[in-house]
Amino acid sequence: MRNLNSIQIFAWMVFFLTTVYGHVAMKLAAMESTKLTKVLMSPWTISAIIAWVFSSLLWLVILTKQPLLESNAISSIRYILISLSAVIFLSETLSAQQVLGAGLILIGVYLTI
């Protein structure tokens, strides 16, 4: 992996933040109701969509500075961050298999970049 400058590091941090937020917010919206129309109009859904739009724009910025293979590997860290957020904010429980999977993701990122 090439050395990242401070702007690239900031872009990655905000990319992860917006991506993870979008997933957690969408789950919170889904927990509010079983009616799709109500879920779609939830402030959680709207904020998740806004976060994902911003995340997509950041992804474009990242891709202008890094190869896709490297960026894609790094971006897979989001799966771990989403899992940790589910534990912290939604009181979900990680299984041993999920922890092992997270470890394998980290090994894969390390080997790829």
N, C-alpha and C. Protein backbone atom coordinates (compact mmCIF):
# COMPACT_ATOMS: atom_id res chain seq x y z
N MET A 1 0.84 -1.18 0.00
CA MET A 1 0.00 0.00 0.00
C MET A 1 0.88 1.23 0.00
N ARG A 2 0.51 2.15 -0.84
CA ARG A 2 1.24 3.41 -0.86
C ARG A 2 0.93 4.21 0.39
N ASN A 3 1.80 5.14 0.69
CA ASN A 3 1.54 6.03 1.82
C ASN A 3 0.36 6.93 1.48
N LEU A 4 -0.55 7.04 2.40
CA LEU A 4 -1.71 7.89 2.21
C LEU A 4 -1.46 9.25 2.83
N ASN A 5 -1.87 10.31 2.13
CA ASN A 5 -1.72 11.63 2.73
C ASN A 5 -2.90 11.90 3.67
N SER A 6 -2.85 13.01 4.37
CA SER A 6 -3.86 13.29 5.39
C SER A 6 -5.25 13.45 4.79
N ILE A 7 -5.36 13.96 3.58
CA ILE A 7 -6.67 14.10 2.94
C ILE A 7 -7.24 12.72 2.60
N GLN A 8 -6.41 11.81 2.12
CA GLN A 8 -6.88 10.46 1.81
C GLN A 8 -7.32 9.73 3.08
N ILE A 9 -6.55 9.88 4.13
CA ILE A 9 -6.92 9.25 5.41
C ILE A 9 -8.25 9.81 5.91
N PHE A 10 -8.41 11.12 5.80
CA PHE A 10 -9.68 11.75 6.21
C PHE A 10 -10.83 11.22 5.35
N ALA A 11 -10.61 11.11 4.03
CA ALA A 11 -11.65 10.60 3.14
C ALA A 11 -12.05 9.18 3.54
N TRP A 12 -11.07 8.34 3.85
CA TRP A 12 -11.38 6.97 4.28
C TRP A 12 -12.17 6.98 5.59
N MET A 13 -11.77 7.80 6.54
CA MET A 13 -12.47 7.84 7.82
C MET A 13 -13.93 8.26 7.65
N VAL A 14 -14.16 9.30 6.84
CA VAL A 14 -15.53 9.76 6.63
C VAL A 14 -16.31 8.74 5.79
N PHE A 15 -15.64 8.09 4.84
CA PHE A 15 -16.28 7.02 4.07
C PHE A 15 -16.80 5.93 5.01
N PHE A 16 -15.94 5.47 5.92
CA PHE A 16 -16.36 4.43 6.85
C PHE A 16 -17.49 4.93 7.76
N LEU A 17 -17.36 6.14 8.26
CA LEU A 17 -18.37 6.70 9.15
C LEU A 17 -19.74 6.78 8.46
N THR A 18 -19.77 7.29 7.23
CA THR A 18 -21.06 7.44 6.54
C THR A 18 -21.63 6.10 6.12
N THR A 19 -20.77 5.18 5.72
CA THR A 19 -21.25 3.86 5.32
C THR A 19 -21.84 3.11 6.51
N VAL A 20 -21.12 3.11 7.61
CA VAL A 20 -21.58 2.40 8.81
C VAL A 20 -22.85 3.06 9.35
N TYR A 21 -22.85 4.39 9.39
CA TYR A 21 -24.04 5.09 9.86
C TYR A 21 -25.26 4.69 9.02
N GLY A 22 -25.10 4.67 7.70
CA GLY A 22 -26.20 4.31 6.82
C GLY A 22 -26.79 2.96 7.15
N HIS A 23 -25.94 1.98 7.41
CA HIS A 23 -26.43 0.64 7.74
C HIS A 23 -27.16 0.61 9.09
N VAL A 24 -26.60 1.27 10.08
CA VAL A 24 -27.23 1.28 11.41
C VAL A 24 -28.55 2.06 11.35
N ALA A 25 -28.55 3.20 10.67
CA ALA A 25 -29.77 4.00 10.55
C ALA A 25 -30.86 3.24 9.82
N MET A 26 -30.50 2.51 8.77
CA MET A 26 -31.49 1.75 8.03
C MET A 26 -32.09 0.65 8.91
N LYS A 27 -31.27 0.03 9.75
CA LYS A 27 -31.79 -0.99 10.67
C LYS A 27 -32.73 -0.35 11.69
N LEU A 28 -32.37 0.83 12.19
CA LEU A 28 -33.25 1.52 13.14
C LEU A 28 -34.58 1.86 12.49
N ALA A 29 -34.55 2.26 11.22
CA ALA A 29 -35.80 2.54 10.50
C ALA A 29 -36.63 1.27 10.37
N ALA A 30 -35.98 0.16 10.05
CA ALA A 30 -36.69 -1.11 9.88
C ALA A 30 -37.30 -1.59 11.19
N MET A 31 -36.69 -1.21 12.29
CA MET A 31 -37.19 -1.63 13.60
C MET A 31 -38.43 -0.82 14.02
N GLU A 32 -38.66 0.31 13.37
CA GLU A 32 -39.78 1.17 13.75
C GLU A 32 -41.14 0.62 13.31
N SER A 33 -41.16 -0.09 12.19
CA SER A 33 -42.43 -0.55 11.65
C SER A 33 -42.21 -1.71 10.69
N THR A 34 -43.26 -2.48 10.48
CA THR A 34 -43.20 -3.54 9.47
C THR A 34 -43.80 -3.06 8.15
N LYS A 35 -44.36 -1.85 8.14
CA LYS A 35 -44.96 -1.30 6.92
C LYS A 35 -43.88 -0.56 6.13
N LEU A 36 -43.67 -0.99 4.90
CA LEU A 36 -42.62 -0.42 4.06
C LEU A 36 -42.79 1.08 3.86
N THR A 37 -44.01 1.55 3.66
CA THR A 37 -44.20 2.98 3.43
C THR A 37 -43.78 3.80 4.64
N LYS A 38 -44.05 3.29 5.82
CA LYS A 38 -43.64 4.00 7.04
C LYS A 38 -42.12 3.98 7.20
N VAL A 39 -41.51 2.85 6.88
CA VAL A 39 -40.05 2.73 6.96
C VAL A 39 -39.39 3.68 5.97
N LEU A 40 -39.95 3.76 4.76
CA LEU A 40 -39.37 4.64 3.74
C LEU A 40 -39.42 6.11 4.13
N MET A 41 -40.42 6.50 4.90
CA MET A 41 -40.57 7.90 5.31
C MET A 41 -39.90 8.20 6.65
N SER A 42 -39.27 7.22 7.24
CA SER A 42 -38.61 7.41 8.53
C SER A 42 -37.43 8.37 8.39
N PRO A 43 -37.22 9.23 9.37
CA PRO A 43 -36.02 10.07 9.36
C PRO A 43 -34.73 9.25 9.32
N TRP A 44 -34.79 8.06 9.90
CA TRP A 44 -33.61 7.18 9.86
C TRP A 44 -33.30 6.77 8.42
N THR A 45 -34.33 6.41 7.66
CA THR A 45 -34.13 6.02 6.27
C THR A 45 -33.59 7.18 5.45
N ILE A 46 -34.20 8.33 5.63
CA ILE A 46 -33.77 9.52 4.87
C ILE A 46 -32.31 9.86 5.20
N SER A 47 -31.96 9.83 6.47
CA SER A 47 -30.57 10.15 6.84
C SER A 47 -29.61 9.08 6.34
N ALA A 48 -30.05 7.82 6.31
CA ALA A 48 -29.20 6.74 5.78
C ALA A 48 -28.91 6.96 4.30
N ILE A 49 -29.93 7.32 3.55
CA ILE A 49 -29.76 7.57 2.12
C ILE A 49 -28.81 8.74 1.89
N ILE A 50 -28.97 9.79 2.66
CA ILE A 50 -28.07 10.95 2.54
C ILE A 50 -26.63 10.52 2.86
N ALA A 51 -26.47 9.73 3.90
CA ALA A 51 -25.13 9.26 4.27
C ALA A 51 -24.53 8.42 3.16
N TRP A 52 -25.33 7.55 2.54
CA TRP A 52 -24.83 6.69 1.47
C TRP A 52 -24.49 7.48 0.21
N VAL A 53 -25.23 8.54 -0.07
CA VAL A 53 -24.89 9.40 -1.21
C VAL A 53 -23.53 10.04 -0.95
N PHE A 54 -23.35 10.56 0.25
CA PHE A 54 -22.07 11.18 0.61
C PHE A 54 -20.95 10.14 0.57
N SER A 55 -21.23 8.95 1.06
CA SER A 55 -20.25 7.86 1.02
C SER A 55 -19.86 7.53 -0.41
N SER A 56 -20.83 7.51 -1.31
CA SER A 56 -20.55 7.22 -2.72
C SER A 56 -19.67 8.30 -3.35
N LEU A 57 -19.92 9.54 -2.99
CA LEU A 57 -19.07 10.63 -3.49
C LEU A 57 -17.65 10.50 -2.97
N LEU A 58 -17.52 10.13 -1.72
CA LEU A 58 -16.18 9.90 -1.16
C LEU A 58 -15.49 8.73 -1.84
N TRP A 59 -16.26 7.71 -2.18
CA TRP A 59 -15.70 6.55 -2.88
C TRP A 59 -15.10 7.00 -4.21
N LEU A 60 -15.79 7.89 -4.90
CA LEU A 60 -15.25 8.43 -6.16
C LEU A 60 -13.94 9.18 -5.92
N VAL A 61 -13.90 9.97 -4.86
CA VAL A 61 -12.67 10.70 -4.52
C VAL A 61 -11.54 9.71 -4.25
N ILE A 62 -11.83 8.70 -3.47
CA ILE A 62 -10.82 7.68 -3.13
C ILE A 62 -10.30 7.00 -4.40
N LEU A 63 -11.23 6.67 -5.31
CA LEU A 63 -10.82 5.98 -6.53
C LEU A 63 -9.98 6.84 -7.46
N THR A 64 -10.05 8.16 -7.31
CA THR A 64 -9.18 9.01 -8.13
C THR A 64 -7.74 8.98 -7.64
N LYS A 65 -7.53 8.48 -6.43
CA LYS A 65 -6.20 8.49 -5.83
C LYS A 65 -5.59 7.11 -5.62
N GLN A 66 -6.41 6.06 -5.68
CA GLN A 66 -5.92 4.71 -5.39
C GLN A 66 -6.46 3.73 -6.41
N PRO A 67 -5.73 2.64 -6.65
CA PRO A 67 -6.24 1.59 -7.54
C PRO A 67 -7.49 0.93 -6.95
N LEU A 68 -8.36 0.44 -7.83
CA LEU A 68 -9.60 -0.20 -7.38
C LEU A 68 -9.33 -1.42 -6.52
N LEU A 69 -8.37 -2.25 -6.89
CA LEU A 69 -8.10 -3.46 -6.11
C LEU A 69 -7.72 -3.12 -4.68
N GLU A 70 -6.87 -2.14 -4.51
CA GLU A 70 -6.45 -1.71 -3.18
C GLU A 70 -7.61 -1.08 -2.42
N SER A 71 -8.35 -0.21 -3.08
CA SER A 71 -9.48 0.47 -2.44
C SER A 71 -10.56 -0.51 -2.03
N ASN A 72 -10.85 -1.46 -2.89
CA ASN A 72 -11.87 -2.45 -2.59
C ASN A 72 -11.48 -3.28 -1.36
N ALA A 73 -10.21 -3.66 -1.28
CA ALA A 73 -9.76 -4.43 -0.11
C ALA A 73 -9.92 -3.61 1.16
N ILE A 74 -9.48 -2.38 1.13
CA ILE A 74 -9.59 -1.52 2.32
C ILE A 74 -11.05 -1.32 2.70
N SER A 75 -11.91 -1.13 1.69
CA SER A 75 -13.32 -0.86 1.98
C SER A 75 -14.01 -2.03 2.67
N SER A 76 -13.47 -3.23 2.54
CA SER A 76 -14.11 -4.38 3.18
C SER A 76 -14.02 -4.31 4.71
N ILE A 77 -13.20 -3.42 5.22
CA ILE A 77 -13.15 -3.21 6.67
C ILE A 77 -14.50 -2.73 7.18
N ARG A 78 -15.30 -2.15 6.29
CA ARG A 78 -16.62 -1.66 6.71
C ARG A 78 -17.49 -2.78 7.28
N TYR A 79 -17.30 -4.00 6.80
CA TYR A 79 -18.10 -5.11 7.31
C TYR A 79 -17.82 -5.35 8.80
N ILE A 80 -16.57 -5.19 9.17
CA ILE A 80 -16.20 -5.34 10.58
C ILE A 80 -16.77 -4.19 11.39
N LEU A 81 -16.65 -2.97 10.85
CA LEU A 81 -17.16 -1.80 11.57
C LEU A 81 -18.67 -1.84 11.72
N ILE A 82 -19.37 -2.34 10.71
CA ILE A 82 -20.83 -2.48 10.81
C ILE A 82 -21.18 -3.51 11.88
N SER A 83 -20.44 -4.61 11.93
CA SER A 83 -20.69 -5.63 12.95
C SER A 83 -20.46 -5.08 14.35
N LEU A 84 -19.37 -4.36 14.52
CA LEU A 84 -19.10 -3.75 15.83
C LEU A 84 -20.17 -2.74 16.22
N SER A 85 -20.64 -1.98 15.24
CA SER A 85 -21.70 -1.00 15.50
C SER A 85 -23.00 -1.70 15.89
N ALA A 86 -23.29 -2.83 15.27
CA ALA A 86 -24.49 -3.59 15.62
C ALA A 86 -24.42 -4.05 17.06
N VAL A 87 -23.24 -4.44 17.49
CA VAL A 87 -23.06 -4.87 18.89
C VAL A 87 -23.23 -3.68 19.83
N ILE A 88 -22.58 -2.57 19.50
CA ILE A 88 -22.58 -1.40 20.39
C ILE A 88 -23.93 -0.69 20.41
N PHE A 89 -24.52 -0.43 19.25
CA PHE A 89 -25.71 0.41 19.18
C PHE A 89 -27.03 -0.35 19.13
N LEU A 90 -26.99 -1.60 18.70
CA LEU A 90 -28.22 -2.37 18.55
C LEU A 90 -28.29 -3.57 19.48
N SER A 91 -27.28 -3.72 20.34
CA SER A 91 -27.22 -4.80 21.32
C SER A 91 -27.28 -6.18 20.68
N GLU A 92 -26.74 -6.29 19.47
CA GLU A 92 -26.65 -7.59 18.82
C GLU A 92 -25.43 -8.33 19.37
N THR A 93 -25.38 -9.62 19.14
CA THR A 93 -24.30 -10.45 19.66
C THR A 93 -23.52 -11.07 18.51
N LEU A 94 -22.19 -11.01 18.62
CA LEU A 94 -21.33 -11.65 17.62
C LEU A 94 -21.09 -13.10 18.02
N SER A 95 -21.17 -13.97 17.03
CA SER A 95 -20.85 -15.38 17.28
C SER A 95 -19.35 -15.58 17.07
N ALA A 96 -18.87 -16.72 17.49
CA ALA A 96 -17.46 -17.05 17.28
C ALA A 96 -17.14 -17.08 15.79
N GLN A 97 -18.06 -17.57 14.98
CA GLN A 97 -17.85 -17.61 13.53
C GLN A 97 -17.73 -16.20 12.95
N GLN A 98 -18.53 -15.28 13.45
CA GLN A 98 -18.47 -13.90 12.95
C GLN A 98 -17.16 -13.24 13.35
N VAL A 99 -16.69 -13.51 14.56
CA VAL A 99 -15.40 -12.96 14.99
C VAL A 99 -14.28 -13.54 14.12
N LEU A 100 -14.35 -14.83 13.86
CA LEU A 100 -13.37 -15.46 12.98
C LEU A 100 -13.43 -14.85 11.58
N GLY A 101 -14.63 -14.63 11.08
CA GLY A 101 -14.81 -14.00 9.78
C GLY A 101 -14.19 -12.62 9.73
N ALA A 102 -14.37 -11.85 10.78
CA ALA A 102 -13.77 -10.51 10.85
C ALA A 102 -12.25 -10.61 10.82
N GLY A 103 -11.72 -11.57 11.54
CA GLY A 103 -10.27 -11.77 11.51
C GLY A 103 -9.77 -12.14 10.12
N LEU A 104 -10.52 -12.98 9.43
CA LEU A 104 -10.15 -13.36 8.07
C LEU A 104 -10.21 -12.17 7.12
N ILE A 105 -11.20 -11.29 7.33
CA ILE A 105 -11.27 -10.07 6.51
C ILE A 105 -10.01 -9.24 6.72
N LEU A 106 -9.60 -9.07 7.97
CA LEU A 106 -8.39 -8.27 8.25
C LEU A 106 -7.16 -8.91 7.62
N ILE A 107 -7.06 -10.23 7.70
CA ILE A 107 -5.93 -10.92 7.06
C ILE A 107 -5.97 -10.70 5.55
N GLY A 108 -7.16 -10.80 4.97
CA GLY A 108 -7.31 -10.57 3.54
C GLY A 108 -6.93 -9.17 3.12
N VAL A 109 -7.32 -8.19 3.91
CA VAL A 109 -6.93 -6.80 3.61
C VAL A 109 -5.43 -6.66 3.68
N TYR A 110 -4.83 -7.20 4.70
CA TYR A 110 -3.38 -7.12 4.86
C TYR A 110 -2.66 -7.77 3.67
N LEU A 111 -3.11 -8.94 3.26
CA LEU A 111 -2.47 -9.64 2.15
C LEU A 111 -2.68 -8.94 0.82
N THR A 112 -3.79 -8.26 0.68
CA THR A 112 -4.13 -7.63 -0.60
C THR A 112 -3.44 -6.29 -0.80
N ILE A 113 -3.30 -5.54 0.28
CA ILE A 113 -2.70 -4.22 0.10
C ILE A 113 -1.23 -4.28 0.42
